[in-house]
Amino acid sequence: MGNEEVDIILEFARGEEKAFRVLYDRYAVALRYFAAKYVSDENVIEDILQDAFVALWEKRTEFRVENAVKAYLYKVVRHDCLNLIRHKQVENKYAEKILQEGDEAESFLDQILESEIFQVLLTVFDELSPACKEVYRMSLNGDSHEEIARKLNISINTVKKHKNNANHYMKERLKNVLSILLWIS
């Protein structure tokens, strides 16, 4: 390690702007070329370099040899380039998702409407008597009248009665909701 290199690092550590300029002039071109391997936009590359040299300046007291400065700069530039690439990939995935879903506002409103309808259905279902609710739930799960009667130890006619009562009650409670849905669509 030559005296000039030691002097530059010592001056740089003391905050000498002239030493900083020497380091910038030595490494900026190579770092620009290095960053171009990851990023094609010249303005973005300049921002990355500027950020790297600002970070270097902030840590200037930590360096004892010029090779450490050089290694640090390459590491920061690479890290920033990779972060930028990752960020762009996330943006692209999000944009694709939005395009696939169609119009964002319409999709958002559809999701709200679906959630509200689900909440109304759940509320009305919870208003059923426990026996009607159990029979209806089992029926929705695909159990036949015979299976429900056997599992609950009740007659098939009782199963039909509970199911009929549940259907009638829910139809009556939801008729306004159904009218609104037909009007909206």
N, C-alpha and C. Protein backbone atom coordinates (compact mmCIF):
# COMPACT_ATOMS: atom_id res chain seq x y z
N MET A 1 0.86 -1.18 0.00
CA MET A 1 0.00 0.00 0.00
C MET A 1 0.90 1.23 0.00
N GLY A 2 0.69 2.11 -0.99
CA GLY A 2 1.54 3.28 -1.13
C GLY A 2 1.16 4.40 -0.18
N ASN A 3 2.07 5.35 -0.01
CA ASN A 3 1.82 6.48 0.87
C ASN A 3 0.66 7.33 0.37
N GLU A 4 0.56 7.46 -0.95
CA GLU A 4 -0.53 8.27 -1.53
C GLU A 4 -1.90 7.68 -1.14
N GLU A 5 -2.00 6.33 -1.21
CA GLU A 5 -3.25 5.67 -0.85
C GLU A 5 -3.57 5.88 0.63
N VAL A 6 -2.58 5.76 1.47
CA VAL A 6 -2.77 5.96 2.91
C VAL A 6 -3.20 7.41 3.18
N ASP A 7 -2.53 8.35 2.52
CA ASP A 7 -2.85 9.77 2.71
C ASP A 7 -4.29 10.07 2.29
N ILE A 8 -4.71 9.52 1.15
CA ILE A 8 -6.07 9.76 0.67
C ILE A 8 -7.08 9.24 1.69
N ILE A 9 -6.88 8.04 2.20
CA ILE A 9 -7.82 7.45 3.16
C ILE A 9 -7.83 8.24 4.47
N LEU A 10 -6.65 8.67 4.93
CA LEU A 10 -6.60 9.46 6.17
C LEU A 10 -7.30 10.80 5.99
N GLU A 11 -7.05 11.46 4.86
CA GLU A 11 -7.71 12.74 4.57
C GLU A 11 -9.22 12.55 4.44
N PHE A 12 -9.59 11.48 3.75
CA PHE A 12 -11.01 11.19 3.58
C PHE A 12 -11.68 10.95 4.94
N ALA A 13 -11.05 10.21 5.81
CA ALA A 13 -11.59 9.92 7.14
C ALA A 13 -11.75 11.20 7.95
N ARG A 14 -10.88 12.19 7.70
CA ARG A 14 -10.98 13.49 8.41
C ARG A 14 -12.04 14.39 7.79
N GLY A 15 -12.61 13.98 6.66
CA GLY A 15 -13.66 14.78 6.03
C GLY A 15 -13.16 15.73 4.97
N GLU A 16 -11.99 15.48 4.42
CA GLU A 16 -11.43 16.33 3.37
C GLU A 16 -12.19 16.07 2.06
N GLU A 17 -12.83 17.11 1.55
CA GLU A 17 -13.61 16.97 0.32
C GLU A 17 -12.72 16.64 -0.88
N LYS A 18 -11.49 17.14 -0.87
CA LYS A 18 -10.57 16.87 -1.98
C LYS A 18 -10.28 15.36 -2.07
N ALA A 19 -10.10 14.72 -0.94
CA ALA A 19 -9.85 13.28 -0.90
C ALA A 19 -11.09 12.52 -1.38
N PHE A 20 -12.26 13.00 -0.99
CA PHE A 20 -13.51 12.40 -1.45
C PHE A 20 -13.60 12.48 -2.98
N ARG A 21 -13.24 13.64 -3.51
CA ARG A 21 -13.28 13.84 -4.97
C ARG A 21 -12.33 12.90 -5.69
N VAL A 22 -11.17 12.67 -5.11
CA VAL A 22 -10.21 11.74 -5.71
C VAL A 22 -10.81 10.34 -5.77
N LEU A 23 -11.44 9.91 -4.67
CA LEU A 23 -12.06 8.59 -4.64
C LEU A 23 -13.22 8.51 -5.63
N TYR A 24 -13.98 9.57 -5.71
CA TYR A 24 -15.09 9.60 -6.67
C TYR A 24 -14.56 9.45 -8.10
N ASP A 25 -13.56 10.22 -8.43
CA ASP A 25 -12.99 10.18 -9.78
C ASP A 25 -12.40 8.79 -10.09
N ARG A 26 -11.85 8.13 -9.10
CA ARG A 26 -11.24 6.82 -9.32
C ARG A 26 -12.29 5.73 -9.59
N TYR A 27 -13.43 5.83 -8.96
CA TYR A 27 -14.37 4.70 -8.98
C TYR A 27 -15.70 4.96 -9.69
N ALA A 28 -16.05 6.18 -9.95
CA ALA A 28 -17.37 6.48 -10.51
C ALA A 28 -17.60 5.82 -11.88
N VAL A 29 -16.63 5.89 -12.76
CA VAL A 29 -16.81 5.34 -14.12
C VAL A 29 -17.00 3.82 -14.04
N ALA A 30 -16.16 3.15 -13.29
CA ALA A 30 -16.26 1.69 -13.17
C ALA A 30 -17.58 1.29 -12.50
N LEU A 31 -17.98 2.04 -11.49
CA LEU A 31 -19.25 1.74 -10.80
C LEU A 31 -20.44 1.98 -11.72
N ARG A 32 -20.36 3.01 -12.55
CA ARG A 32 -21.42 3.30 -13.52
C ARG A 32 -21.56 2.12 -14.48
N TYR A 33 -20.45 1.64 -14.97
CA TYR A 33 -20.43 0.50 -15.88
C TYR A 33 -20.98 -0.75 -15.17
N PHE A 34 -20.57 -0.96 -13.93
CA PHE A 34 -21.03 -2.09 -13.13
C PHE A 34 -22.55 -2.03 -12.93
N ALA A 35 -23.07 -0.88 -12.59
CA ALA A 35 -24.51 -0.72 -12.37
C ALA A 35 -25.30 -0.94 -13.65
N ALA A 36 -24.71 -0.58 -14.79
CA ALA A 36 -25.38 -0.76 -16.08
C ALA A 36 -25.62 -2.23 -16.41
N LYS A 37 -24.91 -3.12 -15.76
CA LYS A 37 -25.14 -4.55 -15.94
C LYS A 37 -26.48 -4.96 -15.34
N TYR A 38 -26.98 -4.18 -14.40
CA TYR A 38 -28.24 -4.48 -13.71
C TYR A 38 -29.38 -3.58 -14.18
N VAL A 39 -29.05 -2.31 -14.42
CA VAL A 39 -30.06 -1.28 -14.68
C VAL A 39 -29.72 -0.57 -15.98
N SER A 40 -30.73 -0.30 -16.80
CA SER A 40 -30.45 0.33 -18.10
C SER A 40 -30.67 1.84 -18.11
N ASP A 41 -31.42 2.35 -17.17
CA ASP A 41 -31.75 3.79 -17.14
C ASP A 41 -30.58 4.59 -16.55
N GLU A 42 -30.00 5.48 -17.37
CA GLU A 42 -28.84 6.28 -16.94
C GLU A 42 -29.16 7.16 -15.72
N ASN A 43 -30.34 7.73 -15.70
CA ASN A 43 -30.72 8.58 -14.56
C ASN A 43 -30.80 7.78 -13.26
N VAL A 44 -31.32 6.57 -13.36
CA VAL A 44 -31.40 5.70 -12.18
C VAL A 44 -30.00 5.31 -11.73
N ILE A 45 -29.13 5.01 -12.70
CA ILE A 45 -27.74 4.67 -12.36
C ILE A 45 -27.07 5.83 -11.64
N GLU A 46 -27.27 7.05 -12.12
CA GLU A 46 -26.69 8.22 -11.45
C GLU A 46 -27.21 8.35 -10.03
N ASP A 47 -28.50 8.10 -9.82
CA ASP A 47 -29.08 8.16 -8.47
C ASP A 47 -28.45 7.10 -7.57
N ILE A 48 -28.26 5.91 -8.11
CA ILE A 48 -27.65 4.82 -7.34
C ILE A 48 -26.22 5.18 -6.95
N LEU A 49 -25.47 5.74 -7.90
CA LEU A 49 -24.09 6.15 -7.60
C LEU A 49 -24.06 7.25 -6.55
N GLN A 50 -24.94 8.21 -6.71
CA GLN A 50 -24.98 9.31 -5.75
C GLN A 50 -25.28 8.77 -4.35
N ASP A 51 -26.25 7.86 -4.25
CA ASP A 51 -26.58 7.27 -2.95
C ASP A 51 -25.41 6.49 -2.38
N ALA A 52 -24.70 5.78 -3.24
CA ALA A 52 -23.55 5.00 -2.78
C ALA A 52 -22.45 5.90 -2.22
N PHE A 53 -22.16 7.00 -2.93
CA PHE A 53 -21.11 7.90 -2.45
C PHE A 53 -21.55 8.68 -1.20
N VAL A 54 -22.83 8.97 -1.09
CA VAL A 54 -23.33 9.61 0.14
C VAL A 54 -23.16 8.64 1.31
N ALA A 55 -23.52 7.36 1.08
CA ALA A 55 -23.36 6.36 2.14
C ALA A 55 -21.88 6.20 2.51
N LEU A 56 -21.01 6.25 1.50
CA LEU A 56 -19.57 6.17 1.76
C LEU A 56 -19.11 7.35 2.62
N TRP A 57 -19.54 8.53 2.28
CA TRP A 57 -19.17 9.73 3.03
C TRP A 57 -19.61 9.62 4.49
N GLU A 58 -20.82 9.09 4.69
CA GLU A 58 -21.34 8.96 6.05
C GLU A 58 -20.55 7.95 6.88
N LYS A 59 -19.90 7.01 6.23
CA LYS A 59 -19.12 5.98 6.95
C LYS A 59 -17.61 6.20 6.79
N ARG A 60 -17.19 7.38 6.39
CA ARG A 60 -15.79 7.63 6.04
C ARG A 60 -14.81 7.31 7.16
N THR A 61 -15.23 7.41 8.40
CA THR A 61 -14.29 7.15 9.50
C THR A 61 -14.04 5.66 9.72
N GLU A 62 -14.81 4.81 9.07
CA GLU A 62 -14.68 3.37 9.27
C GLU A 62 -13.64 2.72 8.37
N PHE A 63 -13.11 3.45 7.40
CA PHE A 63 -12.21 2.84 6.42
C PHE A 63 -10.76 3.13 6.74
N ARG A 64 -9.92 2.08 6.59
CA ARG A 64 -8.48 2.22 6.84
C ARG A 64 -7.66 2.01 5.57
N VAL A 65 -8.25 1.31 4.59
CA VAL A 65 -7.54 1.06 3.33
C VAL A 65 -8.48 1.32 2.16
N GLU A 66 -7.86 1.67 1.05
CA GLU A 66 -8.65 2.02 -0.13
C GLU A 66 -9.42 0.84 -0.69
N ASN A 67 -8.84 -0.36 -0.59
CA ASN A 67 -9.55 -1.54 -1.09
C ASN A 67 -10.88 -1.75 -0.35
N ALA A 68 -10.95 -1.39 0.91
CA ALA A 68 -12.19 -1.49 1.67
C ALA A 68 -13.23 -0.50 1.13
N VAL A 69 -12.76 0.70 0.74
CA VAL A 69 -13.65 1.70 0.15
C VAL A 69 -14.22 1.16 -1.15
N LYS A 70 -13.34 0.63 -1.96
CA LYS A 70 -13.73 0.09 -3.27
C LYS A 70 -14.75 -1.05 -3.09
N ALA A 71 -14.45 -1.97 -2.22
CA ALA A 71 -15.35 -3.11 -1.97
C ALA A 71 -16.70 -2.62 -1.46
N TYR A 72 -16.67 -1.66 -0.56
CA TYR A 72 -17.91 -1.11 -0.01
C TYR A 72 -18.76 -0.49 -1.12
N LEU A 73 -18.15 0.31 -2.00
CA LEU A 73 -18.89 0.94 -3.08
C LEU A 73 -19.54 -0.09 -4.00
N TYR A 74 -18.81 -1.11 -4.39
CA TYR A 74 -19.38 -2.15 -5.25
C TYR A 74 -20.54 -2.87 -4.55
N LYS A 75 -20.36 -3.12 -3.27
CA LYS A 75 -21.40 -3.81 -2.51
C LYS A 75 -22.67 -2.96 -2.44
N VAL A 76 -22.53 -1.68 -2.16
CA VAL A 76 -23.69 -0.78 -2.06
C VAL A 76 -24.39 -0.65 -3.41
N VAL A 77 -23.61 -0.48 -4.48
CA VAL A 77 -24.21 -0.33 -5.81
C VAL A 77 -24.96 -1.61 -6.19
N ARG A 78 -24.35 -2.75 -5.97
CA ARG A 78 -25.01 -4.02 -6.30
C ARG A 78 -26.29 -4.17 -5.49
N HIS A 79 -26.21 -3.91 -4.21
CA HIS A 79 -27.37 -4.03 -3.32
C HIS A 79 -28.51 -3.12 -3.79
N ASP A 80 -28.20 -1.87 -4.11
CA ASP A 80 -29.22 -0.93 -4.56
C ASP A 80 -29.82 -1.35 -5.90
N CYS A 81 -28.99 -1.85 -6.80
CA CYS A 81 -29.49 -2.33 -8.11
C CYS A 81 -30.44 -3.51 -7.92
N LEU A 82 -30.05 -4.47 -7.09
CA LEU A 82 -30.90 -5.63 -6.85
C LEU A 82 -32.20 -5.24 -6.17
N ASN A 83 -32.13 -4.30 -5.24
CA ASN A 83 -33.37 -3.83 -4.60
C ASN A 83 -34.29 -3.18 -5.62
N LEU A 84 -33.72 -2.40 -6.51
CA LEU A 84 -34.51 -1.77 -7.56
C LEU A 84 -35.16 -2.81 -8.46
N ILE A 85 -34.42 -3.83 -8.83
CA ILE A 85 -34.97 -4.90 -9.67
C ILE A 85 -36.12 -5.61 -8.94
N ARG A 86 -35.91 -5.92 -7.67
CA ARG A 86 -36.96 -6.58 -6.88
C ARG A 86 -38.20 -5.69 -6.81
N HIS A 87 -37.99 -4.42 -6.59
CA HIS A 87 -39.11 -3.48 -6.50
C HIS A 87 -39.88 -3.43 -7.83
N LYS A 88 -39.16 -3.42 -8.93
CA LYS A 88 -39.81 -3.41 -10.26
C LYS A 88 -40.60 -4.69 -10.48
N GLN A 89 -40.06 -5.82 -10.03
CA GLN A 89 -40.77 -7.09 -10.19
C GLN A 89 -42.07 -7.08 -9.40
N VAL A 90 -42.04 -6.54 -8.19
CA VAL A 90 -43.25 -6.44 -7.38
C VAL A 90 -44.26 -5.52 -8.06
N GLU A 91 -43.79 -4.40 -8.57
CA GLU A 91 -44.68 -3.48 -9.29
C GLU A 91 -45.32 -4.17 -10.49
N ASN A 92 -44.52 -4.92 -11.25
CA ASN A 92 -45.04 -5.61 -12.43
C ASN A 92 -46.07 -6.67 -12.06
N LYS A 93 -45.80 -7.43 -11.01
CA LYS A 93 -46.76 -8.44 -10.57
C LYS A 93 -48.06 -7.79 -10.13
N TYR A 94 -47.96 -6.68 -9.40
CA TYR A 94 -49.15 -5.98 -8.94
C TYR A 94 -49.94 -5.44 -10.13
N ALA A 95 -49.25 -4.88 -11.10
CA ALA A 95 -49.92 -4.34 -12.30
C ALA A 95 -50.62 -5.45 -13.07
N GLU A 96 -49.98 -6.60 -13.20
CA GLU A 96 -50.60 -7.74 -13.88
C GLU A 96 -51.85 -8.19 -13.14
N LYS A 97 -51.78 -8.22 -11.83
CA LYS A 97 -52.93 -8.65 -11.03
C LYS A 97 -54.10 -7.69 -11.23
N ILE A 98 -53.82 -6.41 -11.23
CA ILE A 98 -54.87 -5.42 -11.44
C ILE A 98 -55.49 -5.58 -12.81
N LEU A 99 -54.66 -5.78 -13.82
CA LEU A 99 -55.17 -5.95 -15.19
C LEU A 99 -56.01 -7.21 -15.30
N GLN A 100 -55.61 -8.27 -14.63
CA GLN A 100 -56.36 -9.52 -14.68
C GLN A 100 -57.71 -9.38 -13.99
N GLU A 101 -57.75 -8.62 -12.94
CA GLU A 101 -59.00 -8.44 -12.21
C GLU A 101 -59.96 -7.51 -12.93
N GLY A 102 -59.46 -6.83 -13.94
CA GLY A 102 -60.32 -5.89 -14.65
C GLY A 102 -60.27 -4.53 -13.98
N ASP A 103 -61.31 -3.81 -14.15
CA ASP A 103 -61.38 -2.46 -13.61
C ASP A 103 -61.30 -2.51 -12.08
N GLU A 104 -60.30 -1.83 -11.54
CA GLU A 104 -60.03 -1.88 -10.09
C GLU A 104 -61.22 -1.39 -9.27
N ALA A 105 -61.83 -0.31 -9.67
CA ALA A 105 -62.96 0.24 -8.91
C ALA A 105 -64.13 -0.73 -8.92
N GLU A 106 -64.40 -1.32 -10.09
CA GLU A 106 -65.51 -2.26 -10.20
C GLU A 106 -65.23 -3.49 -9.35
N SER A 107 -63.99 -3.99 -9.40
CA SER A 107 -63.61 -5.15 -8.62
C SER A 107 -63.73 -4.85 -7.13
N PHE A 108 -63.31 -3.68 -6.74
CA PHE A 108 -63.38 -3.27 -5.34
C PHE A 108 -64.83 -3.22 -4.87
N LEU A 109 -65.70 -2.63 -5.69
CA LEU A 109 -67.12 -2.56 -5.33
C LEU A 109 -67.75 -3.95 -5.30
N ASP A 110 -67.36 -4.81 -6.23
CA ASP A 110 -67.86 -6.18 -6.23
C ASP A 110 -67.47 -6.91 -4.94
N GLN A 111 -66.24 -6.69 -4.51
CA GLN A 111 -65.78 -7.34 -3.28
C GLN A 111 -66.54 -6.83 -2.06
N ILE A 112 -66.81 -5.53 -2.04
CA ILE A 112 -67.58 -4.97 -0.93
C ILE A 112 -68.99 -5.55 -0.94
N LEU A 113 -69.62 -5.56 -2.12
CA LEU A 113 -70.97 -6.08 -2.23
C LEU A 113 -71.03 -7.54 -1.82
N GLU A 114 -70.08 -8.34 -2.27
CA GLU A 114 -70.04 -9.75 -1.91
C GLU A 114 -69.90 -9.92 -0.39
N SER A 115 -69.06 -9.13 0.23
CA SER A 115 -68.87 -9.20 1.69
C SER A 115 -70.15 -8.82 2.43
N GLU A 116 -70.81 -7.79 1.94
CA GLU A 116 -72.05 -7.34 2.60
C GLU A 116 -73.15 -8.39 2.46
N ILE A 117 -73.27 -8.99 1.28
CA ILE A 117 -74.28 -10.03 1.07
C ILE A 117 -74.00 -11.22 1.97
N PHE A 118 -72.73 -11.61 2.04
CA PHE A 118 -72.35 -12.72 2.91
C PHE A 118 -72.74 -12.41 4.36
N GLN A 119 -72.49 -11.19 4.80
CA GLN A 119 -72.82 -10.81 6.18
C GLN A 119 -74.33 -10.89 6.42
N VAL A 120 -75.13 -10.42 5.46
CA VAL A 120 -76.59 -10.48 5.60
C VAL A 120 -77.05 -11.93 5.66
N LEU A 121 -76.53 -12.77 4.76
CA LEU A 121 -76.91 -14.19 4.77
C LEU A 121 -76.55 -14.86 6.09
N LEU A 122 -75.37 -14.55 6.59
CA LEU A 122 -74.93 -15.13 7.86
C LEU A 122 -75.82 -14.68 9.01
N THR A 123 -76.18 -13.41 9.00
CA THR A 123 -77.05 -12.87 10.05
C THR A 123 -78.41 -13.56 10.03
N VAL A 124 -79.01 -13.70 8.85
CA VAL A 124 -80.32 -14.34 8.73
C VAL A 124 -80.21 -15.82 9.11
N PHE A 125 -79.15 -16.48 8.69
CA PHE A 125 -78.95 -17.88 9.04
C PHE A 125 -78.84 -18.04 10.56
N ASP A 126 -78.15 -17.12 11.21
CA ASP A 126 -78.00 -17.18 12.67
C ASP A 126 -79.31 -16.94 13.41
N GLU A 127 -80.28 -16.33 12.75
CA GLU A 127 -81.59 -16.07 13.37
C GLU A 127 -82.47 -17.33 13.41
N LEU A 128 -82.10 -18.35 12.64
CA LEU A 128 -82.88 -19.59 12.63
C LEU A 128 -82.80 -20.27 13.99
N SER A 129 -83.81 -21.08 14.29
CA SER A 129 -83.77 -21.86 15.53
C SER A 129 -82.62 -22.85 15.43
N PRO A 130 -82.08 -23.29 16.55
CA PRO A 130 -80.95 -24.22 16.51
C PRO A 130 -81.24 -25.49 15.69
N ALA A 131 -82.44 -26.03 15.82
CA ALA A 131 -82.79 -27.25 15.10
C ALA A 131 -82.83 -26.99 13.59
N CYS A 132 -83.48 -25.90 13.17
CA CYS A 132 -83.54 -25.55 11.75
C CYS A 132 -82.14 -25.29 11.20
N LYS A 133 -81.35 -24.58 11.97
CA LYS A 133 -80.00 -24.24 11.55
C LYS A 133 -79.16 -25.50 11.32
N GLU A 134 -79.24 -26.47 12.24
CA GLU A 134 -78.46 -27.69 12.13
C GLU A 134 -78.89 -28.52 10.92
N VAL A 135 -80.20 -28.66 10.73
CA VAL A 135 -80.71 -29.42 9.59
C VAL A 135 -80.29 -28.74 8.29
N TYR A 136 -80.41 -27.43 8.23
CA TYR A 136 -80.08 -26.69 7.00
C TYR A 136 -78.58 -26.78 6.70
N ARG A 137 -77.76 -26.66 7.73
CA ARG A 137 -76.31 -26.77 7.56
C ARG A 137 -75.93 -28.15 7.02
N MET A 138 -76.51 -29.18 7.58
CA MET A 138 -76.21 -30.54 7.13
C MET A 138 -76.68 -30.74 5.68
N SER A 139 -77.83 -30.17 5.36
CA SER A 139 -78.35 -30.26 3.99
C SER A 139 -77.42 -29.56 3.01
N LEU A 140 -76.90 -28.38 3.40
CA LEU A 140 -75.96 -27.65 2.55
C LEU A 140 -74.65 -28.43 2.38
N ASN A 141 -74.31 -29.25 3.37
CA ASN A 141 -73.10 -30.08 3.27
C ASN A 141 -73.32 -31.32 2.41
N GLY A 142 -74.55 -31.48 1.90
CA GLY A 142 -74.81 -32.59 0.98
C GLY A 142 -75.46 -33.80 1.61
N ASP A 143 -75.80 -33.74 2.88
CA ASP A 143 -76.46 -34.88 3.52
C ASP A 143 -77.90 -35.00 3.02
N SER A 144 -78.35 -36.21 2.79
CA SER A 144 -79.74 -36.45 2.37
C SER A 144 -80.67 -36.34 3.58
N HIS A 145 -81.99 -36.31 3.29
CA HIS A 145 -82.96 -36.24 4.39
C HIS A 145 -82.80 -37.45 5.30
N GLU A 146 -82.58 -38.60 4.69
CA GLU A 146 -82.42 -39.83 5.47
C GLU A 146 -81.18 -39.77 6.37
N GLU A 147 -80.07 -39.29 5.83
CA GLU A 147 -78.83 -39.19 6.62
C GLU A 147 -78.99 -38.21 7.78
N ILE A 148 -79.65 -37.09 7.50
CA ILE A 148 -79.86 -36.08 8.56
C ILE A 148 -80.73 -36.67 9.66
N ALA A 149 -81.82 -37.34 9.25
CA ALA A 149 -82.74 -37.94 10.24
C ALA A 149 -82.01 -38.95 11.10
N ARG A 150 -81.20 -39.78 10.47
CA ARG A 150 -80.46 -40.80 11.21
C ARG A 150 -79.45 -40.16 12.17
N LYS A 151 -78.69 -39.17 11.69
CA LYS A 151 -77.65 -38.54 12.52
C LYS A 151 -78.23 -37.76 13.70
N LEU A 152 -79.38 -37.11 13.48
CA LEU A 152 -79.98 -36.29 14.54
C LEU A 152 -81.03 -37.06 15.34
N ASN A 153 -81.27 -38.31 14.91
CA ASN A 153 -82.25 -39.16 15.59
C ASN A 153 -83.64 -38.50 15.60
N ILE A 154 -84.06 -38.03 14.42
CA ILE A 154 -85.39 -37.45 14.23
C ILE A 154 -86.00 -38.07 12.98
N SER A 155 -87.30 -37.84 12.77
CA SER A 155 -87.96 -38.42 11.60
C SER A 155 -87.62 -37.63 10.34
N ILE A 156 -87.81 -38.27 9.19
CA ILE A 156 -87.57 -37.61 7.91
C ILE A 156 -88.54 -36.44 7.74
N ASN A 157 -89.80 -36.61 8.22
CA ASN A 157 -90.77 -35.50 8.14
C ASN A 157 -90.33 -34.30 8.96
N THR A 158 -89.69 -34.54 10.09
CA THR A 158 -89.18 -33.44 10.91
C THR A 158 -88.05 -32.73 10.19
N VAL A 159 -87.20 -33.49 9.53
CA VAL A 159 -86.11 -32.91 8.73
C VAL A 159 -86.71 -32.01 7.66
N LYS A 160 -87.71 -32.52 6.93
CA LYS A 160 -88.34 -31.74 5.87
C LYS A 160 -89.00 -30.48 6.43
N LYS A 161 -89.63 -30.61 7.60
CA LYS A 161 -90.30 -29.47 8.24
C LYS A 161 -89.27 -28.39 8.61
N HIS A 162 -88.17 -28.79 9.24
CA HIS A 162 -87.13 -27.82 9.62
C HIS A 162 -86.54 -27.14 8.39
N LYS A 163 -86.30 -27.93 7.37
CA LYS A 163 -85.73 -27.38 6.14
C LYS A 163 -86.72 -26.42 5.47
N ASN A 164 -87.97 -26.80 5.43
CA ASN A 164 -89.01 -25.95 4.85
C ASN A 164 -89.17 -24.66 5.65
N ASN A 165 -89.16 -24.76 6.98
CA ASN A 165 -89.27 -23.57 7.84
C ASN A 165 -88.07 -22.62 7.60
N ALA A 166 -86.88 -23.22 7.50
CA ALA A 166 -85.67 -22.41 7.27
C ALA A 166 -85.75 -21.72 5.91
N ASN A 167 -86.15 -22.46 4.88
CA ASN A 167 -86.29 -21.86 3.55
C ASN A 167 -87.29 -20.71 3.56
N HIS A 168 -88.44 -20.94 4.16
CA HIS A 168 -89.49 -19.91 4.20
C HIS A 168 -89.01 -18.66 4.95
N TYR A 169 -88.40 -18.87 6.12
CA TYR A 169 -87.92 -17.74 6.93
C TYR A 169 -86.85 -16.93 6.18
N MET A 170 -85.88 -17.65 5.61
CA MET A 170 -84.78 -16.94 4.93
C MET A 170 -85.29 -16.24 3.67
N LYS A 171 -86.20 -16.87 2.96
CA LYS A 171 -86.76 -16.24 1.75
C LYS A 171 -87.48 -14.94 2.12
N GLU A 172 -88.25 -14.99 3.19
CA GLU A 172 -89.00 -13.81 3.63
C GLU A 172 -88.04 -12.69 4.09
N ARG A 173 -87.03 -13.07 4.85
CA ARG A 173 -86.08 -12.07 5.38
C ARG A 173 -85.17 -11.50 4.29
N LEU A 174 -84.92 -12.27 3.23
CA LEU A 174 -83.97 -11.85 2.20
C LEU A 174 -84.64 -11.29 0.95
N LYS A 175 -85.98 -11.23 0.92
CA LYS A 175 -86.62 -10.79 -0.32
C LYS A 175 -86.25 -9.36 -0.69
N ASN A 176 -86.05 -8.48 0.30
CA ASN A 176 -85.62 -7.11 0.00
C ASN A 176 -84.20 -7.08 -0.55
N VAL A 177 -83.34 -7.92 0.01
CA VAL A 177 -81.96 -8.00 -0.46
C VAL A 177 -81.93 -8.50 -1.90
N LEU A 178 -82.75 -9.52 -2.19
CA LEU A 178 -82.80 -10.06 -3.55
C LEU A 178 -83.31 -9.02 -4.53
N SER A 179 -84.28 -8.22 -4.11
CA SER A 179 -84.81 -7.17 -4.99
C SER A 179 -83.71 -6.14 -5.29
N ILE A 180 -82.95 -5.77 -4.29
CA ILE A 180 -81.86 -4.80 -4.47
C ILE A 180 -80.81 -5.38 -5.40
N LEU A 181 -80.47 -6.65 -5.21
CA LEU A 181 -79.46 -7.29 -6.07
C LEU A 181 -79.92 -7.33 -7.52
N LEU A 182 -81.16 -7.65 -7.75
CA LEU A 182 -81.68 -7.66 -9.11
C LEU A 182 -81.65 -6.27 -9.71
N TRP A 183 -81.95 -5.28 -8.91
CA TRP A 183 -81.94 -3.90 -9.38
C TRP A 183 -80.52 -3.45 -9.73
N ILE A 184 -79.53 -3.84 -8.89
CA ILE A 184 -78.13 -3.45 -9.11
C ILE A 184 -77.60 -4.11 -10.39
N SER A 185 -77.91 -5.39 -10.57
CA SER A 185 -77.35 -6.07 -11.74
C SER A 185 -78.11 -5.68 -12.98
